[in-house]
Amino acid sequence: MQIILPEIDMRGDNGSRSIDDEKGNFVGQIEMTKNVGRSITLFGKYRGGYKTQQECQAFADGVAAVLNHMTKME
């Protein structure tokens, strides 16, 4: 699984964006918040607040890595 984050520009963007996986399935959303910067929610239960896009991508990659490991058939 790979989670694809949309780019959010802090200067003029104050809405939220959908987050999809590599197959185009909805997996969460990212939105602007005044106190934190970016607030990300994945699969309805994994949440975080980060200042940069890179931090959000690292969080999403971590969630994807854990889910990939949990669903891996050995």
Protein backbone atom coordinates (compact mmCIF):
# COMPACT_ATOMS: atom_id res chain seq x y z
CA MET A 1 0.00 0.00 0.00
CA GLN A 2 1.17 3.48 -0.82
CA ILE A 3 -0.60 6.60 0.45
CA ILE A 4 -0.54 9.62 -1.84
CA LEU A 5 -0.83 13.00 -0.13
CA PRO A 6 -2.08 16.03 -2.05
CA GLU A 7 0.02 19.20 -1.81
CA ILE A 8 -1.40 21.91 0.43
CA ASP A 9 -0.13 25.47 0.23
CA MET A 10 -0.22 27.18 3.63
CA ARG A 11 -0.47 30.69 2.17
CA GLY A 12 -3.89 30.57 0.58
CA ASP A 13 -5.34 27.12 1.09
CA ASN A 14 -7.69 26.76 4.05
CA GLY A 15 -9.73 23.74 3.08
CA SER A 16 -9.31 20.01 3.24
CA ARG A 17 -8.24 17.46 0.66
CA SER A 18 -8.97 13.79 0.24
CA ILE A 19 -6.14 11.30 0.53
CA ASP A 20 -6.10 8.26 -1.76
CA ASP A 21 -4.00 5.14 -1.99
CA GLU A 22 -2.19 4.07 -5.14
CA LYS A 23 -5.39 2.43 -6.46
CA GLY A 24 -7.46 5.59 -6.01
CA ASN A 25 -9.34 4.39 -2.92
CA PHE A 26 -10.21 7.01 -0.32
CA VAL A 27 -8.14 6.48 2.85
CA GLY A 28 -8.42 9.78 4.71
CA GLN A 29 -8.11 13.53 4.59
CA ILE A 30 -5.66 16.31 5.26
CA GLU A 31 -6.75 19.78 6.29
CA MET A 32 -5.36 23.09 7.44
CA THR A 33 -5.61 23.99 11.13
CA LYS A 34 -4.68 27.27 12.75
CA ASN A 35 -2.68 25.96 15.71
CA VAL A 36 -0.89 22.98 14.19
CA GLY A 37 -0.63 23.63 10.46
CA ARG A 38 -1.75 20.38 8.86
CA SER A 39 -4.03 17.82 10.43
CA ILE A 40 -4.11 14.37 8.85
CA THR A 41 -6.56 11.51 9.45
CA LEU A 42 -6.09 8.06 7.90
CA PHE A 43 -8.60 5.21 7.94
CA GLY A 44 -10.75 7.09 10.46
CA LYS A 45 -8.50 6.30 13.42
CA TYR A 46 -4.88 7.33 12.78
CA ARG A 47 -4.50 11.06 13.43
CA GLY A 48 -1.66 13.53 13.61
CA GLY A 49 -0.89 17.21 13.43
CA TYR A 50 2.24 18.43 11.62
CA LYS A 51 3.79 21.66 10.39
CA THR A 52 5.30 20.49 7.11
CA GLN A 53 4.20 18.40 4.15
CA GLN A 54 7.24 16.16 4.66
CA GLU A 55 6.17 15.35 8.23
CA CYS A 56 2.69 14.44 7.00
CA GLN A 57 4.16 12.20 4.30
CA ALA A 58 6.41 10.49 6.86
CA PHE A 59 3.37 9.82 9.08
CA ALA A 60 1.41 8.41 6.11
CA ASP A 61 4.37 6.24 5.09
CA GLY A 62 4.62 4.91 8.65
CA VAL A 63 0.93 4.02 8.75
CA ALA A 64 1.23 2.32 5.35
CA ALA A 65 4.30 0.35 6.51
CA VAL A 66 2.49 -0.94 9.60
CA LEU A 67 -0.61 -1.89 7.61
CA ASN A 68 1.50 -3.60 4.96
CA HIS A 69 3.28 -5.59 7.64
CA MET A 70 0.01 -6.57 9.34
CA THR A 71 -1.60 -7.76 6.11
CA LYS A 72 1.47 -9.53 4.74
CA MET A 73 0.94 -13.24 4.21
CA GLU A 74 3.95 -15.35 5.13
